[in-house]
Protein backbone atom coordinates (compact mmCIF):
# COMPACT_ATOMS: atom_id res chain seq x y z
CA MET A 1 -42.58 -5.85 26.53
CA LYS A 2 -44.59 -5.28 29.74
CA ILE A 3 -42.58 -6.89 32.46
CA ALA A 4 -43.62 -7.55 35.55
CA TYR A 5 -40.74 -7.80 38.54
CA VAL A 6 -41.65 -9.50 41.77
CA ILE A 7 -39.35 -9.68 44.64
CA ASP A 8 -39.48 -10.02 48.26
CA SER A 9 -38.57 -6.61 49.47
CA LEU A 10 -37.09 -3.32 48.23
CA VAL A 11 -33.87 -2.74 50.80
CA LEU A 12 -30.36 -1.46 50.14
CA GLY A 13 -29.14 -5.12 48.82
CA GLY A 14 -27.56 -6.30 45.73
CA ALA A 15 -30.61 -8.36 44.52
CA GLN A 16 -32.37 -5.05 44.84
CA LYS A 17 -29.71 -2.80 42.93
CA HIS A 18 -29.61 -5.77 40.45
CA LEU A 19 -33.61 -5.24 40.03
CA VAL A 20 -32.82 -1.16 39.50
CA GLN A 21 -30.20 -2.04 36.89
CA LEU A 22 -32.90 -4.41 35.08
CA VAL A 23 -35.85 -1.55 35.25
CA GLN A 24 -33.55 1.21 33.95
CA GLY A 25 -31.63 -0.78 31.40
CA MET A 26 -35.17 -2.46 30.00
CA GLY A 27 -36.86 0.90 30.54
CA ALA A 28 -34.12 2.73 28.46
CA ARG A 29 -34.95 0.42 25.53
CA GLY A 30 -38.66 1.24 25.57
CA HIS A 31 -40.19 -1.87 27.96
CA GLU A 32 -42.65 -0.76 30.36
CA ALA A 33 -42.41 -2.03 34.29
CA VAL A 34 -44.32 -2.43 37.15
CA VAL A 35 -42.70 -3.81 40.25
CA PHE A 36 -44.38 -5.79 42.93
CA CYS A 37 -42.68 -5.81 46.12
CA LEU A 38 -44.13 -8.72 48.54
CA ASN A 39 -43.43 -7.09 52.04
CA GLU A 40 -43.12 -3.49 53.49
CA ARG A 41 -39.67 -3.24 53.80
CA VAL A 42 -39.00 -0.43 51.05
CA HIS A 43 -36.25 1.88 51.08
CA PRO A 44 -37.13 5.21 50.21
CA SER A 45 -34.06 5.55 47.66
CA ARG A 46 -34.81 2.56 45.92
CA ARG A 47 -38.57 3.49 45.27
CA ALA A 48 -37.52 6.79 43.96
CA GLU A 49 -34.94 5.00 41.97
CA LEU A 50 -37.50 2.85 40.51
CA ILE A 51 -39.99 5.51 39.75
CA ALA A 52 -37.27 7.89 38.03
CA ALA A 53 -36.68 4.86 35.72
CA GLY A 54 -40.51 4.69 34.73
CA ALA A 55 -41.68 1.91 36.92
CA ARG A 56 -44.64 1.76 38.81
CA VAL A 57 -44.18 0.38 42.40
CA ARG A 58 -46.83 -1.69 43.90
CA VAL A 59 -46.53 -3.39 47.46
CA ILE A 60 -48.61 -6.22 48.44
CA GLY A 61 -47.78 -6.99 51.86
CA LYS A 62 -46.25 -9.63 54.10
CA ALA A 63 -49.74 -10.59 55.75
CA ARG A 64 -50.91 -11.50 52.32
CA VAL A 65 -48.29 -13.30 51.41
CA ALA A 66 -48.58 -15.40 54.58
CA CYS A 67 -52.18 -16.19 53.81
CA GLY A 68 -51.93 -16.84 50.20
CA ALA A 69 -53.85 -14.14 49.19
CA ALA A 70 -50.88 -12.72 47.32
CA VAL A 71 -50.51 -15.21 44.83
CA ILE A 72 -54.30 -14.38 43.52
CA GLU A 73 -53.92 -10.62 43.91
CA LEU A 74 -50.37 -10.89 41.60
CA ALA A 75 -52.13 -12.90 39.03
CA ALA A 76 -54.71 -10.57 38.93
CA ALA A 77 -52.75 -7.68 38.48
CA MET A 78 -50.94 -9.57 35.88
CA ARG A 79 -53.92 -10.15 33.88
CA ARG A 80 -55.17 -6.81 34.34
CA GLU A 81 -51.65 -5.17 33.13
CA ARG A 82 -51.52 -7.38 30.26
CA THR A 83 -47.88 -8.33 31.26
CA ASP A 84 -46.13 -10.03 28.39
CA VAL A 85 -43.26 -11.56 30.79
CA ALA A 86 -42.63 -11.53 34.94
CA VAL A 87 -39.01 -11.31 36.50
CA THR A 88 -38.92 -13.27 40.00
CA VAL A 89 -36.30 -11.89 42.74
CA LEU A 90 -35.22 -13.86 45.73
CA PHE A 91 -37.02 -16.79 47.36
CA VAL A 92 -40.56 -16.08 47.88
CA SER A 93 -41.02 -13.97 45.13
CA ILE A 94 -39.48 -16.81 43.07
CA VAL A 95 -42.23 -19.29 44.58
CA VAL A 96 -45.14 -16.79 44.68
CA GLY A 97 -44.59 -15.17 41.22
CA GLY A 98 -44.06 -18.80 39.62
CA LEU A 99 -47.64 -19.84 41.22
CA ALA A 100 -49.14 -16.03 40.03
CA GLY A 101 -47.50 -16.39 36.33
CA THR A 102 -48.99 -19.74 35.90
CA LEU A 103 -52.38 -18.43 36.94
CA ALA A 104 -52.22 -15.83 34.91
CA GLY A 105 -50.77 -17.56 31.55
CA VAL A 106 -47.91 -15.22 32.12
CA PRO A 107 -44.13 -16.56 31.63
CA THR A 108 -41.63 -16.30 34.34
CA VAL A 109 -38.37 -15.97 34.75
CA ALA A 110 -36.41 -16.45 37.83
CA CYS A 111 -33.52 -14.62 39.15
CA LEU A 112 -31.01 -16.86 41.07
CA GLN A 113 -28.61 -14.81 43.07
CA ALA A 114 -26.83 -17.43 45.00
CA ARG A 115 -25.91 -20.74 46.02
CA ASN A 116 -28.23 -21.39 48.69
CA ILE A 117 -26.73 -23.33 51.04
CA ASN A 118 -28.48 -21.76 54.00
CA PHE A 119 -31.80 -22.71 52.84
CA LYS A 120 -33.68 -25.18 55.26
CA GLY A 121 -34.92 -28.41 53.65
CA TRP A 122 -38.83 -27.04 53.13
CA GLN A 123 -37.46 -23.63 51.22
CA HIS A 124 -35.42 -26.24 48.73
CA ALA A 125 -38.83 -28.44 48.57
CA LEU A 126 -40.97 -25.07 47.58
CA LEU A 127 -38.36 -24.42 45.03
CA ARG A 128 -38.39 -27.76 43.20
CA MET A 129 -41.93 -28.07 43.19
CA THR A 130 -42.17 -24.74 41.72
CA ALA A 131 -39.13 -24.95 39.21
CA ARG A 132 -40.92 -26.07 36.64
CA LEU A 133 -43.53 -23.37 36.47
CA ASN A 134 -40.62 -21.08 35.00
CA SER A 135 -39.69 -20.65 31.65
CA TYR A 136 -36.30 -19.72 32.11
CA THR A 137 -33.53 -19.20 35.38
CA VAL A 138 -31.01 -16.61 34.97
CA SER A 139 -28.02 -16.75 37.70
CA ASN A 140 -25.10 -14.45 37.74
CA CYS A 141 -23.07 -17.76 38.82
CA ARG A 142 -21.89 -20.80 37.69
CA THR A 143 -21.95 -22.68 40.67
CA ALA A 144 -25.28 -21.51 41.82
CA MET A 145 -26.91 -23.12 38.95
CA ALA A 146 -25.37 -26.44 39.38
CA PHE A 147 -26.34 -26.60 43.16
CA ALA A 148 -29.80 -25.50 42.20
CA ALA A 149 -29.80 -27.96 39.77
CA GLN A 150 -29.22 -30.82 42.40
CA PHE A 151 -31.32 -29.37 45.48
CA GLU A 152 -33.95 -26.92 43.79
CA GLY A 153 -35.04 -28.80 40.58
CA ILE A 154 -33.94 -26.27 37.64
CA ASP A 155 -33.63 -27.54 34.59
CA LEU A 156 -29.98 -26.65 33.21
CA ALA A 157 -31.11 -26.79 29.78
CA ARG A 158 -33.40 -23.74 30.53
CA CYS A 159 -30.91 -21.71 32.50
CA HIS A 160 -28.66 -18.72 31.40
CA TYR A 161 -25.47 -17.40 32.81
CA VAL A 162 -25.52 -13.73 32.83
CA PRO A 163 -23.18 -11.91 35.22
CA ASN A 164 -24.31 -8.71 37.65
CA ALA A 165 -22.99 -5.59 36.10
CA ILE A 166 -22.06 -2.11 36.72
CA ALA A 167 -21.86 1.42 35.77
CA VAL A 168 -18.39 2.49 35.79
CA PRO A 169 -18.20 6.67 36.19
CA PRO A 170 -15.34 7.81 34.20
CA GLU A 171 -13.98 9.87 37.36
CA LEU A 172 -13.90 8.80 40.68
CA PRO A 173 -15.45 10.59 43.43
CA PRO A 174 -13.10 12.47 45.64
CA ALA A 175 -12.20 10.50 49.08
CA PRO A 176 -14.56 10.97 51.80
CA ASP A 177 -14.21 13.44 54.83
CA TRP A 178 -14.83 10.96 57.29
CA ALA A 179 -15.91 13.63 60.23
CA ASN A 180 -18.60 14.91 57.79
CA TRP A 181 -19.84 11.05 57.47
CA GLY A 182 -20.15 10.83 61.37
CA TRP A 183 -16.62 8.93 61.93
CA PRO A 184 -13.88 11.42 62.76
CA GLN A 185 -11.98 8.88 64.22
CA LEU A 186 -11.14 7.38 60.85
CA ALA A 187 -9.19 10.64 59.63
CA GLY A 188 -5.66 10.09 59.15
CA ARG A 189 -6.23 6.25 59.67
CA ARG A 190 -5.90 3.40 56.82
CA VAL A 191 -9.54 2.05 56.39
CA ILE A 192 -9.96 -1.23 55.62
CA GLY A 193 -13.99 -2.03 54.62
CA SER A 194 -16.75 -4.26 53.80
CA VAL A 195 -20.28 -4.02 52.69
CA GLY A 196 -23.04 -6.60 53.59
CA ARG A 197 -25.39 -7.81 55.92
CA LEU A 198 -24.54 -8.66 59.19
CA VAL A 199 -25.31 -12.38 58.63
CA PRO A 200 -22.91 -15.56 58.93
CA GLN A 201 -22.89 -15.86 55.34
CA LYS A 202 -20.81 -12.85 55.20
CA GLY A 203 -17.91 -14.34 56.82
CA TYR A 204 -17.76 -10.71 59.37
CA ASP A 205 -16.47 -13.26 62.39
CA ILE A 206 -13.84 -14.22 60.13
CA LEU A 207 -12.55 -11.19 59.23
CA LEU A 208 -12.59 -9.83 62.66
CA THR A 209 -10.20 -12.70 63.97
CA ALA A 210 -8.00 -11.94 61.15
CA PHE A 211 -7.85 -8.42 61.50
CA ALA A 212 -7.05 -8.92 65.03
CA SER A 213 -4.13 -10.79 64.15
CA ILE A 214 -2.50 -8.18 62.08
CA ALA A 215 -3.64 -4.97 63.78
CA PRO A 216 -0.65 -4.61 66.50
CA GLU A 217 1.52 -4.25 64.04
CA HIS A 218 -0.81 -1.78 62.01
CA ASP A 219 -1.44 0.63 64.58
CA ASP A 220 -2.97 3.11 61.88
CA LEU A 221 -5.60 0.75 60.52
CA SER A 222 -9.21 0.86 61.06
CA LEU A 223 -12.30 -1.28 60.04
CA LEU A 224 -15.32 -0.18 58.64
CA LEU A 225 -18.49 -2.51 58.41
CA ILE A 226 -21.38 -0.95 56.28
CA GLY A 227 -24.43 -3.00 56.58
CA SER A 228 -27.82 -3.85 58.27
CA GLY A 229 -28.57 -6.43 60.99
CA SER A 230 -27.72 -6.77 64.52
CA LYS A 231 -24.28 -5.78 65.71
CA THR A 232 -24.55 -7.40 69.08
CA GLU A 233 -22.57 -10.75 68.54
CA LEU A 234 -19.66 -9.30 66.31
CA ALA A 235 -19.63 -6.75 68.53
CA ALA A 236 -19.23 -8.63 71.70
CA LYS A 237 -16.40 -10.71 69.62
CA ALA A 238 -14.54 -7.59 68.46
CA GLU A 239 -14.28 -6.41 72.24
CA SER A 240 -13.10 -10.01 73.27
CA LEU A 241 -10.44 -9.65 70.62
CA GLY A 242 -9.56 -6.22 71.81
CA LEU A 243 -10.43 -4.28 69.04
CA ASN A 244 -12.54 -1.59 71.00
CA GLY A 245 -12.23 1.80 68.98
CA ARG A 246 -10.88 0.38 65.84
CA VAL A 247 -14.19 -1.33 64.64
CA ILE A 248 -16.99 0.64 63.31
CA PHE A 249 -20.45 -1.10 62.38
CA ALA A 250 -21.63 1.70 60.20
CA GLY A 251 -25.02 0.49 59.53
CA GLU A 252 -26.77 0.58 56.56
CA HIS A 253 -26.06 3.39 53.92
CA SER A 254 -27.16 4.27 50.30
CA SER A 255 -24.18 6.11 49.37
CA VAL A 256 -21.48 3.39 49.54
CA PRO A 257 -19.64 4.41 46.21
CA ALA A 258 -18.94 8.01 47.73
CA LEU A 259 -17.11 6.16 50.65
CA LEU A 260 -15.20 3.61 48.55
CA PRO A 261 -12.36 5.99 47.65
CA GLY A 262 -11.38 6.38 51.42
CA LEU A 263 -10.48 2.73 51.60
CA SER A 264 -7.13 1.29 51.51
CA LEU A 265 -8.52 -2.04 51.26
CA TYR A 266 -12.02 -3.56 50.25
CA VAL A 267 -12.57 -7.26 51.93
CA GLN A 268 -15.45 -10.12 50.84
CA PRO A 269 -15.23 -12.61 53.27
CA SER A 270 -18.23 -14.47 52.44
CA ARG A 271 -18.79 -18.11 53.04
CA PHE A 272 -20.83 -18.28 49.75
CA GLU A 273 -21.69 -15.62 47.25
CA GLY A 274 -23.41 -15.08 43.85
CA MET A 275 -21.57 -12.42 42.46
CA PRO A 276 -21.40 -9.05 44.88
CA ASN A 277 -22.28 -5.63 43.67
CA ALA A 278 -20.43 -4.33 46.52
CA LEU A 279 -17.21 -6.04 45.33
CA MET A 280 -17.77 -5.12 41.96
CA GLU A 281 -18.17 -1.27 42.92
CA ALA A 282 -14.91 -1.53 45.12
CA MET A 283 -12.90 -2.56 41.91
CA ALA A 284 -14.54 0.09 39.84
CA ALA A 285 -13.02 2.79 42.63
CA LYS A 286 -9.45 1.11 42.09
CA VAL A 287 -9.61 -0.29 45.72
CA PRO A 288 -7.32 -3.30 46.39
CA VAL A 289 -9.62 -6.50 47.02
CA VAL A 290 -9.30 -9.33 49.02
CA ALA A 291 -12.04 -11.73 48.91
CA SER A 292 -12.89 -15.66 49.36
CA ALA A 293 -12.51 -17.96 46.76
CA VAL A 294 -16.10 -18.81 46.42
CA ASP A 295 -19.08 -19.22 43.73
CA GLY A 296 -19.51 -15.95 41.64
CA ILE A 297 -16.28 -14.19 43.34
CA THR A 298 -14.11 -16.48 41.41
CA GLU A 299 -15.93 -15.68 38.09
CA LEU A 300 -14.84 -12.02 38.68
CA ILE A 301 -11.51 -12.29 40.16
CA GLU A 302 -8.42 -13.73 39.01
CA ASP A 303 -6.01 -14.36 42.14
CA GLY A 304 -3.25 -12.41 41.75
CA VAL A 305 -4.27 -10.23 38.91
CA ASP A 306 -7.28 -8.15 40.10
CA GLY A 307 -7.56 -9.36 43.67
CA LEU A 308 -6.24 -11.71 46.20
CA LEU A 309 -8.28 -14.82 46.81
CA VAL A 310 -8.33 -16.87 50.11
CA PRO A 311 -10.18 -19.99 51.07
CA PRO A 312 -13.58 -19.21 52.92
CA ALA A 313 -13.53 -19.15 56.67
CA ASP A 314 -10.10 -19.23 56.94
CA ALA A 315 -8.96 -16.68 59.46
CA PRO A 316 -5.15 -17.09 58.88
CA ALA A 317 -5.15 -17.01 55.30
CA LEU A 318 -7.07 -13.88 55.25
CA ALA A 319 -4.87 -11.90 57.72
CA THR A 320 -1.89 -13.12 55.28
CA ALA A 321 -3.70 -11.95 52.55
CA LEU A 322 -4.54 -8.36 54.40
CA LYS A 323 -0.84 -7.87 55.25
CA ARG A 324 0.56 -8.82 51.91
CA THR A 325 -2.08 -6.09 50.41
CA LEU A 326 -1.08 -3.72 53.24
CA ASP A 327 2.78 -4.04 52.94
CA ASP A 328 3.09 -4.21 49.34
CA ALA A 329 1.37 -0.63 48.15
CA PRO A 330 3.20 -1.13 44.65
CA GLY A 331 1.54 -4.36 43.71
CA SER A 332 -1.76 -3.49 45.32
CA GLU A 333 -2.16 -0.20 43.06
CA LYS A 334 -1.41 -2.40 40.28
CA ARG A 335 -4.22 -5.09 41.49
CA GLY A 336 -6.38 -2.01 42.18
CA GLN A 337 -6.08 -0.62 38.69
CA GLU A 338 -6.58 -4.11 36.66
CA GLY A 339 -9.44 -4.40 38.81
CA ARG A 340 -11.00 -1.24 37.21
CA ARG A 341 -9.76 -2.60 33.75
CA ILE A 342 -11.93 -5.77 34.12
CA VAL A 343 -14.98 -4.25 35.49
CA ILE A 344 -15.31 -1.63 32.57
CA GLU A 345 -14.52 -4.69 29.52
CA ARG A 346 -16.25 -7.60 30.97
CA PHE A 347 -19.30 -6.50 32.82
CA SER A 348 -21.11 -3.44 31.37
CA PRO A 349 -24.61 -2.72 32.02
CA GLU A 350 -25.29 -2.76 28.14
CA ARG A 351 -24.15 -6.48 27.78
CA MET A 352 -26.20 -7.73 30.77
CA ILE A 353 -29.57 -5.83 29.48
CA GLU A 354 -28.76 -7.25 26.01
CA ALA A 355 -28.77 -10.53 27.10
CA TYR A 356 -31.73 -10.09 29.52
CA GLU A 357 -33.99 -8.60 26.83
CA ARG A 358 -33.13 -11.69 24.63
CA ILE A 359 -33.96 -14.25 27.12
CA LEU A 360 -37.34 -12.16 27.82
CA GLY A 361 -38.34 -12.11 24.79
CA GLN A 362 -37.87 -15.70 24.27
CA ALA A 363 -39.66 -16.40 26.93
CA CYS A 364 -43.13 -14.79 25.88
CA GLY A 365 -42.18 -15.44 22.21
CA ARG A 366 -41.66 -11.84 21.30
CA PRO A 367 -38.45 -10.67 19.47
CA ALA A 368 -35.88 -9.21 21.58
CA ALA A 369 -36.62 -5.46 20.10
CA ALA A 370 -39.73 -3.87 21.52
């Protein structure tokens, strides 16, 4: 199959990592790929990964999206490329890609990444208007499917559940030398880490409150937040909580797996999620995890078995779970080992790619094998 992938941006996010996995896996099975990025936010490492997987990367540009020209340009490119099927990822791409695919006579498969409770009314309206244009919707989260059926107009009869996946290396990397990463203040300390954009969805305001409540009795603890976005409000909150010097806003990093072995605990305090790749990476690294009991996270973690779950936006419950994990080393180590086993057994890239190949083949009326 000749597959056109359409995505809003190529930054270091989970949706973009998912796209790279699809291009790599489908490419290994002989399918051709061209990736259309709708704005200019293209991280060099993402571009390099896609090119290494055999894909061509085309940047359309935000201005052409805003004026509507992107739909015509994308449709023309699909016809020119003789595209068999298009895969759209993230809000703008689902709308623009769906319209372009319809103009070009190319079936589209939309990737639903999360329960979009933060969307405005006009965004839900646009998704409802274009939902019928998609041959199928694929989601990594069952609750997101139900939400999208109610608010975004998707047809559950044409929706497939395909969990995210992660390639787990047989050997874990060594613990990082924090000084070499630019954080010498972390040397010799226990580090709680989290990865994600600095936006309200990720719940870092709740994490800071929870961390502040256990910090006085755990003098050796530091908090490392890795992700893009403005830190102004969160840094002010950390200062107001008396956490000066104990919270590091590390910014965006492309080598997160190399940092995970240095963590004593990984936290995913999100208010809503799909199935977080960063959380899966932490589990694969045998890091004990604490996460909000929301959406795809509950399909990944069984409370008390391979991690601890807490209600979202509940700082006292999160603090209790953090303390339990930090103060019970044997139990935490056992859950970390179980987390790695679960990820290896249930969330392999091969299983995900087989599912996508079957769905895309059905969408364009071709057999699954190229």
